[in-house]
Each structure stands twice: as C-alpha cells, then as structure tokens.
C-alpha cells in the first residue's frame, strides 16, 4: 500500500525545491473556450518545463490559485 503522507511530503519537497532554486522562470497566459484566463509560472527541470504556480480567472470573475503548497487540490494535480 502506498504511504500517501510520505508521497505528499516528497512531492511538496520536489516542487518547493524547484521554486526556491529556480534561476529561470517562464510565464504563460492562456484563454480557454469559456472565456476564462489561465496564468502559469514554470521552471526548467531535466529538459522540461514544470508548472509550479497557476492562477485561473474564470469568465464569472472568480480567481483560483494553485501552487505546490496546496497539492491536495485536484486541479493542481491535473496540471502540476
């Protein structure tokens, strides 16, 4: 059986280390089909860009923010 608390702690440590050690940061903006806006901050890791922070402004004007500090959020897991 998977130790979920250990997995969460290791995952948080990985994303936190990426965020704190980043010397380059990339920022992306995307408009979705419903009129929402997505802002993503990513850093390079082993030849790939990894999203470390995200913000969504919905078409209704609601702001949702995601980061490595809140891995329990299912949306972050989907995009993180």
PDB file of N, CA and C in Angstrom:
ATOM      1  N   UNK A   1       0.836  -1.177   0.000  1.00  0.00           N
ATOM      2  CA  UNK A   1       0.000   0.000   0.000  1.00  0.00           C
ATOM      3  C   UNK A   1       0.888   1.249   0.000  1.00  0.00           C
ATOM      4  N   UNK A   2       0.460   2.262  -0.740  1.00  0.00           N
ATOM      5  CA  UNK A   2       1.213   3.497  -0.860  1.00  0.00           C
ATOM      6  C   UNK A   2       1.026   4.348   0.393  1.00  0.00           C
ATOM      7  N   UNK A   3       2.118   4.861   0.909  1.00  0.00           N
ATOM      8  CA  UNK A   3       2.071   5.779   2.040  1.00  0.00           C
ATOM      9  C   UNK A   3       1.788   7.180   1.490  1.00  0.00           C
ATOM     10  N   UNK A   4       0.518   7.583   1.511  1.00  0.00           N
ATOM     11  CA  UNK A   4       0.121   8.843   0.890  1.00  0.00           C
ATOM     12  C   UNK A   4       0.754  10.059   1.553  1.00  0.00           C
ATOM     13  N   UNK A   5       0.922  10.029   2.852  1.00  0.00           N
ATOM     14  CA  UNK A   5       1.546  11.168   3.530  1.00  0.00           C
ATOM     15  C   UNK A   5       3.004  11.329   3.103  1.00  0.00           C
ATOM     16  N   UNK A   6       3.724  10.212   2.977  1.00  0.00           N
ATOM     17  CA  UNK A   6       5.121  10.279   2.523  1.00  0.00           C
ATOM     18  C   UNK A   6       5.191  10.768   1.085  1.00  0.00           C
ATOM     19  N   UNK A   7       4.296  10.258   0.237  1.00  0.00           N
ATOM     20  CA  UNK A   7       4.254  10.679  -1.166  1.00  0.00           C
ATOM     21  C   UNK A   7       3.972  12.180  -1.263  1.00  0.00           C
ATOM     22  N   UNK A   8       2.999  12.667  -0.483  1.00  0.00           N
ATOM     23  CA  UNK A   8       2.678  14.094  -0.492  1.00  0.00           C
ATOM     24  C   UNK A   8       3.876  14.919  -0.033  1.00  0.00           C
ATOM     25  N   UNK A   9       4.542  14.491   1.029  1.00  0.00           N
ATOM     26  CA  UNK A   9       5.702  15.220   1.549  1.00  0.00           C
ATOM     27  C   UNK A   9       6.837  15.260   0.522  1.00  0.00           C
ATOM     28  N   UNK A  10       7.092  14.131  -0.139  1.00  0.00           N
ATOM     29  CA  UNK A  10       8.150  14.087  -1.153  1.00  0.00           C
ATOM     30  C   UNK A  10       7.796  14.949  -2.356  1.00  0.00           C
ATOM     31  N   UNK A  11       6.538  14.939  -2.753  1.00  0.00           N
ATOM     32  CA  UNK A  11       6.096  15.748  -3.887  1.00  0.00           C
ATOM     33  C   UNK A  11       6.203  17.229  -3.560  1.00  0.00           C
ATOM     34  N   UNK A  12       5.756  17.615  -2.369  1.00  0.00           N
ATOM     35  CA  UNK A  12       5.882  19.012  -1.953  1.00  0.00           C
ATOM     36  C   UNK A  12       7.341  19.441  -1.911  1.00  0.00           C
ATOM     37  N   UNK A  13       8.218  18.582  -1.402  1.00  0.00           N
ATOM     38  CA  UNK A  13       9.637  18.910  -1.324  1.00  0.00           C
ATOM     39  C   UNK A  13      10.222  19.115  -2.720  1.00  0.00           C
ATOM     40  N   UNK A  14       9.807  18.291  -3.677  1.00  0.00           N
ATOM     41  CA  UNK A  14      10.296  18.416  -5.058  1.00  0.00           C
ATOM     42  C   UNK A  14       9.888  19.763  -5.657  1.00  0.00           C
ATOM     43  N   UNK A  15       8.587  20.110  -5.584  1.00  0.00           N
ATOM     44  CA  UNK A  15       8.116  21.361  -6.164  1.00  0.00           C
ATOM     45  C   UNK A  15       8.671  22.575  -5.412  1.00  0.00           C
ATOM     46  N   UNK A  16       8.779  22.478  -4.117  1.00  0.00           N
ATOM     47  CA  UNK A  16       9.349  23.580  -3.335  1.00  0.00           C
ATOM     48  C   UNK A  16      10.801  23.827  -3.735  1.00  0.00           C
ATOM     49  N   UNK A  17      11.577  22.763  -3.885  1.00  0.00           N
ATOM     50  CA  UNK A  17      12.980  22.898  -4.286  1.00  0.00           C
ATOM     51  C   UNK A  17      13.081  23.533  -5.672  1.00  0.00           C
ATOM     52  N   UNK A  18      12.203  23.131  -6.582  1.00  0.00           N
ATOM     53  CA  UNK A  18      12.204  23.750  -7.918  1.00  0.00           C
ATOM     54  C   UNK A  18      11.939  25.243  -7.818  1.00  0.00           C
ATOM     55  N   UNK A  19      10.940  25.609  -7.040  1.00  0.00           N
ATOM     56  CA  UNK A  19      10.559  27.016  -6.897  1.00  0.00           C
ATOM     57  C   UNK A  19      11.681  27.833  -6.268  1.00  0.00           C
ATOM     58  N   UNK A  20      12.254  27.325  -5.199  1.00  0.00           N
ATOM     59  CA  UNK A  20      13.269  28.090  -4.470  1.00  0.00           C
ATOM     60  C   UNK A  20      14.602  28.170  -5.201  1.00  0.00           C
ATOM     61  N   UNK A  21      14.941  27.175  -6.013  1.00  0.00           N
ATOM     62  CA  UNK A  21      16.240  27.154  -6.687  1.00  0.00           C
ATOM     63  C   UNK A  21      16.193  27.699  -8.114  1.00  0.00           C
ATOM     64  N   UNK A  22      15.036  28.082  -8.576  1.00  0.00           N
ATOM     65  CA  UNK A  22      14.881  28.492  -9.979  1.00  0.00           C
ATOM     66  C   UNK A  22      15.710  29.722 -10.304  1.00  0.00           C
ATOM     67  N   UNK A  23      16.473  29.626 -11.366  1.00  0.00           N
ATOM     68  CA  UNK A  23      17.213  30.779 -11.878  1.00  0.00           C
ATOM     69  C   UNK A  23      16.537  31.329 -13.127  1.00  0.00           C
ATOM     70  N   UNK A  24      15.675  30.533 -13.746  1.00  0.00           N
ATOM     71  CA  UNK A  24      14.872  30.964 -14.890  1.00  0.00           C
ATOM     72  C   UNK A  24      13.421  30.664 -14.573  1.00  0.00           C
ATOM     73  N   UNK A  25      12.552  31.577 -14.956  1.00  0.00           N
ATOM     74  CA  UNK A  25      11.111  31.375 -14.794  1.00  0.00           C
ATOM     75  C   UNK A  25      10.425  31.764 -16.097  1.00  0.00           C
ATOM     76  N   UNK A  26       9.445  30.987 -16.451  1.00  0.00           N
ATOM     77  CA  UNK A  26       8.681  31.240 -17.664  1.00  0.00           C
ATOM     78  C   UNK A  26       7.231  31.485 -17.270  1.00  0.00           C
ATOM     79  N   UNK A  27       6.600  32.434 -17.955  1.00  0.00           N
ATOM     80  CA  UNK A  27       5.220  32.785 -17.638  1.00  0.00           C
ATOM     81  C   UNK A  27       4.377  32.651 -18.906  1.00  0.00           C
ATOM     82  N   UNK A  28       3.241  31.986 -18.751  1.00  0.00           N
ATOM     83  CA  UNK A  28       2.350  31.738 -19.872  1.00  0.00           C
ATOM     84  C   UNK A  28       0.953  32.229 -19.517  1.00  0.00           C
ATOM     85  N   UNK A  29       0.234  32.647 -20.540  1.00  0.00           N
ATOM     86  CA  UNK A  29      -1.151  33.077 -20.383  1.00  0.00           C
ATOM     87  C   UNK A  29      -1.971  32.356 -21.433  1.00  0.00           C
ATOM     88  N   UNK A  30      -3.136  31.873 -21.039  1.00  0.00           N
ATOM     89  CA  UNK A  30      -3.995  31.137 -21.957  1.00  0.00           C
ATOM     90  C   UNK A  30      -5.446  31.510 -21.697  1.00  0.00           C
ATOM     91  N   UNK A  31      -6.212  31.731 -22.749  1.00  0.00           N
ATOM     92  CA  UNK A  31      -7.653  31.958 -22.637  1.00  0.00           C
ATOM     93  C   UNK A  31      -8.350  30.663 -23.042  1.00  0.00           C
ATOM     94  N   UNK A  32      -9.253  30.172 -22.181  1.00  0.00           N
ATOM     95  CA  UNK A  32      -9.948  28.931 -22.519  1.00  0.00           C
ATOM     96  C   UNK A  32     -11.245  29.214 -23.278  1.00  0.00           C
ATOM     97  N   UNK A  33     -11.930  28.138 -23.678  1.00  0.00           N
ATOM     98  CA  UNK A  33     -13.126  28.256 -24.512  1.00  0.00           C
ATOM     99  C   UNK A  33     -14.282  28.964 -23.799  1.00  0.00           C
ATOM    100  N   UNK A  34     -14.313  28.904 -22.470  1.00  0.00           N
ATOM    101  CA  UNK A  34     -15.399  29.522 -21.712  1.00  0.00           C
ATOM    102  C   UNK A  34     -15.132  30.990 -21.375  1.00  0.00           C
ATOM    103  N   UNK A  35     -13.999  31.514 -21.790  1.00  0.00           N
ATOM    104  CA  UNK A  35     -13.674  32.902 -21.507  1.00  0.00           C
ATOM    105  C   UNK A  35     -12.821  33.094 -20.265  1.00  0.00           C
ATOM    106  N   UNK A  36     -12.385  32.008 -19.665  1.00  0.00           N
ATOM    107  CA  UNK A  36     -11.501  32.104 -18.511  1.00  0.00           C
ATOM    108  C   UNK A  36     -10.064  32.341 -18.935  1.00  0.00           C
ATOM    109  N   UNK A  37      -9.281  32.905 -18.038  1.00  0.00           N
ATOM    110  CA  UNK A  37      -7.866  33.158 -18.309  1.00  0.00           C
ATOM    111  C   UNK A  37      -7.016  32.323 -17.364  1.00  0.00           C
ATOM    112  N   UNK A  38      -5.965  31.730 -17.888  1.00  0.00           N
ATOM    113  CA  UNK A  38      -5.022  30.933 -17.099  1.00  0.00           C
ATOM    114  C   UNK A  38      -3.651  31.598 -17.164  1.00  0.00           C
ATOM    115  N   UNK A  39      -3.025  31.722 -16.011  1.00  0.00           N
ATOM    116  CA  UNK A  39      -1.669  32.221 -15.912  1.00  0.00           C
ATOM    117  C   UNK A  39      -0.837  31.122 -15.263  1.00  0.00           C
ATOM    118  N   UNK A  40       0.284  30.776 -15.880  1.00  0.00           N
ATOM    119  CA  UNK A  40       1.107  29.672 -15.397  1.00  0.00           C
ATOM    120  C   UNK A  40       2.551  30.134 -15.267  1.00  0.00           C
ATOM    121  N   UNK A  41       3.174  29.798 -14.148  1.00  0.00           N
ATOM    122  CA  UNK A  41       4.599  30.030 -13.949  1.00  0.00           C
ATOM    123  C   UNK A  41       5.281  28.667 -13.948  1.00  0.00           C
ATOM    124  N   UNK A  42       6.309  28.522 -14.787  1.00  0.00           N
ATOM    125  CA  UNK A  42       7.002  27.243 -14.905  1.00  0.00           C
ATOM    126  C   UNK A  42       8.504  27.464 -14.796  1.00  0.00           C
ATOM    127  N   UNK A  43       9.196  26.409 -14.383  1.00  0.00           N
ATOM    128  CA  UNK A  43      10.650  26.438 -14.285  1.00  0.00           C
ATOM    129  C   UNK A  43      11.210  25.197 -14.978  1.00  0.00           C
ATOM    130  N   UNK A  44      12.436  25.296 -15.509  1.00  0.00           N
ATOM    131  CA  UNK A  44      13.020  24.130 -16.169  1.00  0.00           C
ATOM    132  C   UNK A  44      13.519  23.093 -15.164  1.00  0.00           C
ATOM    133  N   UNK A  45      13.336  21.817 -15.528  1.00  0.00           N
ATOM    134  CA  UNK A  45      13.850  20.713 -14.727  1.00  0.00           C
ATOM    135  C   UNK A  45      14.119  19.540 -15.655  1.00  0.00           C
ATOM    136  N   UNK A  46      15.361  19.141 -15.755  1.00  0.00           N
ATOM    137  CA  UNK A  46      15.768  17.993 -16.573  1.00  0.00           C
ATOM    138  C   UNK A  46      15.229  18.056 -17.998  1.00  0.00           C
ATOM    139  N   UNK A  47      15.335  19.234 -18.613  1.00  0.00           N
ATOM    140  CA  UNK A  47      14.953  19.390 -20.003  1.00  0.00           C
ATOM    141  C   UNK A  47      13.476  19.640 -20.256  1.00  0.00           C
ATOM    142  N   UNK A  48      12.683  19.773 -19.216  1.00  0.00           N
ATOM    143  CA  UNK A  48      11.256  20.033 -19.370  1.00  0.00           C
ATOM    144  C   UNK A  48      10.865  21.231 -18.516  1.00  0.00           C
ATOM    145  N   UNK A  49       9.751  21.866 -18.879  1.00  0.00           N
ATOM    146  CA  UNK A  49       9.205  22.921 -18.037  1.00  0.00           C
ATOM    147  C   UNK A  49       8.166  22.308 -17.104  1.00  0.00           C
ATOM    148  N   UNK A  50       8.263  22.671 -15.829  1.00  0.00           N
ATOM    149  CA  UNK A  50       7.355  22.148 -14.816  1.00  0.00           C
ATOM    150  C   UNK A  50       6.582  23.321 -14.225  1.00  0.00           C
ATOM    151  N   UNK A  51       5.257  23.233 -14.252  1.00  0.00           N
ATOM    152  CA  UNK A  51       4.415  24.286 -13.672  1.00  0.00           C
ATOM    153  C   UNK A  51       4.549  24.250 -12.155  1.00  0.00           C
ATOM    154  N   UNK A  52       4.864  25.401 -11.575  1.00  0.00           N
ATOM    155  CA  UNK A  52       4.973  25.466 -10.119  1.00  0.00           C
ATOM    156  C   UNK A  52       3.888  26.342  -9.503  1.00  0.00           C
ATOM    157  N   UNK A  53       3.301  27.229 -10.310  1.00  0.00           N
ATOM    158  CA  UNK A  53       2.210  28.083  -9.822  1.00  0.00           C
ATOM    159  C   UNK A  53       1.237  28.322 -10.968  1.00  0.00           C
ATOM    160  N   UNK A  54      -0.044  28.411 -10.626  1.00  0.00           N
ATOM    161  CA  UNK A  54      -1.075  28.668 -11.617  1.00  0.00           C
ATOM    162  C   UNK A  54      -2.136  29.556 -11.006  1.00  0.00           C
ATOM    163  N   UNK A  55      -2.772  30.322 -11.860  1.00  0.00           N
ATOM    164  CA  UNK A  55      -3.925  31.111 -11.442  1.00  0.00           C
ATOM    165  C   UNK A  55      -4.953  31.038 -12.564  1.00  0.00           C
ATOM    166  N   UNK A  56      -6.207  30.902 -12.173  1.00  0.00           N
ATOM    167  CA  UNK A  56      -7.300  30.875 -13.140  1.00  0.00           C
ATOM    168  C   UNK A  56      -8.272  31.984 -12.778  1.00  0.00           C
ATOM    169  N   UNK A  57      -8.578  32.833 -13.736  1.00  0.00           N
ATOM    170  CA  UNK A  57      -9.623  33.831 -13.580  1.00  0.00           C
ATOM    171  C   UNK A  57     -10.779  33.366 -14.448  1.00  0.00           C
ATOM    172  N   UNK A  58     -11.859  32.905 -13.817  1.00  0.00           N
ATOM    173  CA  UNK A  58     -12.974  32.347 -14.578  1.00  0.00           C
ATOM    174  C   UNK A  58     -13.727  33.447 -15.311  1.00  0.00           C
ATOM    175  N   UNK A  59     -14.562  33.041 -16.260  1.00  0.00           N
ATOM    176  CA  UNK A  59     -15.369  34.014 -17.002  1.00  0.00           C
ATOM    177  C   UNK A  59     -16.343  34.736 -16.074  1.00  0.00           C
ATOM    178  N   UNK A  60     -16.653  34.140 -14.916  1.00  0.00           N
ATOM    179  CA  UNK A  60     -17.525  34.776 -13.927  1.00  0.00           C
ATOM    180  C   UNK A  60     -16.752  35.711 -12.987  1.00  0.00           C
ATOM    181  N   UNK A  61     -15.442  35.806 -13.169  1.00  0.00           N
ATOM    182  CA  UNK A  61     -14.631  36.713 -12.365  1.00  0.00           C
ATOM    183  C   UNK A  61     -14.069  36.110 -11.086  1.00  0.00           C
ATOM    184  N   UNK A  62     -14.193  34.796 -10.906  1.00  0.00           N
ATOM    185  CA  UNK A  62     -13.634  34.135  -9.709  1.00  0.00           C
ATOM    186  C   UNK A  62     -12.165  33.808  -9.940  1.00  0.00           C
ATOM    187  N   UNK A  63     -11.347  34.030  -8.930  1.00  0.00           N
ATOM    188  CA  UNK A  63      -9.925  33.753  -9.011  1.00  0.00           C
ATOM    189  C   UNK A  63      -9.609  32.487  -8.225  1.00  0.00           C
ATOM    190  N   UNK A  64      -8.930  31.545  -8.878  1.00  0.00           N
ATOM    191  CA  UNK A  64      -8.463  30.322  -8.229  1.00  0.00           C
ATOM    192  C   UNK A  64      -6.949  30.291  -8.387  1.00  0.00           C
ATOM    193  N   UNK A  65      -6.235  30.015  -7.298  1.00  0.00           N
ATOM    194  CA  UNK A  65      -4.778  29.956  -7.343  1.00  0.00           C
ATOM    195  C   UNK A  65      -4.326  28.583  -6.889  1.00  0.00           C
ATOM    196  N   UNK A  66      -3.281  28.079  -7.526  1.00  0.00           N
ATOM    197  CA  UNK A  66      -2.748  26.759  -7.223  1.00  0.00           C
ATOM    198  C   UNK A  66      -1.237  26.849  -7.129  1.00  0.00           C
ATOM    199  N   UNK A  67      -0.665  26.087  -6.208  1.00  0.00           N
ATOM    200  CA  UNK A  67       0.791  26.038  -6.092  1.00  0.00           C
ATOM    201  C   UNK A  67       1.191  24.747  -5.401  1.00  0.00           C
ATOM    202  N   UNK A  68       2.473  24.532  -5.274  1.00  0.00           N
ATOM    203  CA  UNK A  68       2.981  23.336  -4.610  1.00  0.00           C
ATOM    204  C   UNK A  68       2.567  23.293  -3.143  1.00  0.00           C
ATOM    205  N   UNK A  69       2.177  24.413  -2.596  1.00  0.00           N
ATOM    206  CA  UNK A  69       1.758  24.459  -1.198  1.00  0.00           C
ATOM    207  C   UNK A  69       0.375  23.851  -0.969  1.00  0.00           C
ATOM    208  N   UNK A  70      -0.349  23.588  -2.062  1.00  0.00           N
ATOM    209  CA  UNK A  70      -1.711  23.071  -1.955  1.00  0.00           C
ATOM    210  C   UNK A  70      -1.904  21.898  -2.915  1.00  0.00           C
ATOM    211  N   UNK A  71      -1.126  20.860  -2.752  1.00  0.00           N
ATOM    212  CA  UNK A  71      -1.179  19.718  -3.666  1.00  0.00           C
ATOM    213  C   UNK A  71      -2.463  18.910  -3.547  1.00  0.00           C
ATOM    214  N   UNK A  72      -3.196  19.060  -2.471  1.00  0.00           N
ATOM    215  CA  UNK A  72      -4.424  18.283  -2.330  1.00  0.00           C
ATOM    216  C   UNK A  72      -5.511  18.733  -3.299  1.00  0.00           C
ATOM    217  N   UNK A  73      -5.358  19.889  -3.921  1.00  0.00           N
ATOM    218  CA  UNK A  73      -6.336  20.394  -4.871  1.00  0.00           C
ATOM    219  C   UNK A  73      -6.258  19.568  -6.155  1.00  0.00           C
ATOM    220  N   UNK A  74      -7.361  18.990  -6.564  1.00  0.00           N
ATOM    221  CA  UNK A  74      -7.361  18.106  -7.732  1.00  0.00           C
ATOM    222  C   UNK A  74      -6.977  18.827  -9.025  1.00  0.00           C
ATOM    223  N   UNK A  75      -7.339  20.106  -9.159  1.00  0.00           N
ATOM    224  CA  UNK A  75      -6.978  20.825 -10.385  1.00  0.00           C
ATOM    225  C   UNK A  75      -5.467  20.955 -10.485  1.00  0.00           C
ATOM    226  N   UNK A  76      -4.802  21.261  -9.353  1.00  0.00           N
ATOM    227  CA  UNK A  76      -3.340  21.348  -9.390  1.00  0.00           C
ATOM    228  C   UNK A  76      -2.741  20.030  -9.829  1.00  0.00           C
ATOM    229  N   UNK A  77      -3.235  18.933  -9.300  1.00  0.00           N
ATOM    230  CA  UNK A  77      -2.692  17.614  -9.654  1.00  0.00           C
ATOM    231  C   UNK A  77      -2.852  17.349 -11.143  1.00  0.00           C
ATOM    232  N   UNK A  78      -3.944  17.823 -11.716  1.00  0.00           N
ATOM    233  CA  UNK A  78      -4.174  17.592 -13.132  1.00  0.00           C
ATOM    234  C   UNK A  78      -3.175  18.361 -13.996  1.00  0.00           C
ATOM    235  N   UNK A  79      -2.807  19.573 -13.581  1.00  0.00           N
ATOM    236  CA  UNK A  79      -1.918  20.405 -14.377  1.00  0.00           C
ATOM    237  C   UNK A  79      -0.501  20.443 -13.853  1.00  0.00           C
ATOM    238  N   UNK A  80      -0.273  20.057 -12.617  1.00  0.00           N
ATOM    239  CA  UNK A  80       1.028  20.202 -11.992  1.00  0.00           C
ATOM    240  C   UNK A  80       2.035  19.190 -12.383  1.00  0.00           C
TER     241      UNK A  80
END
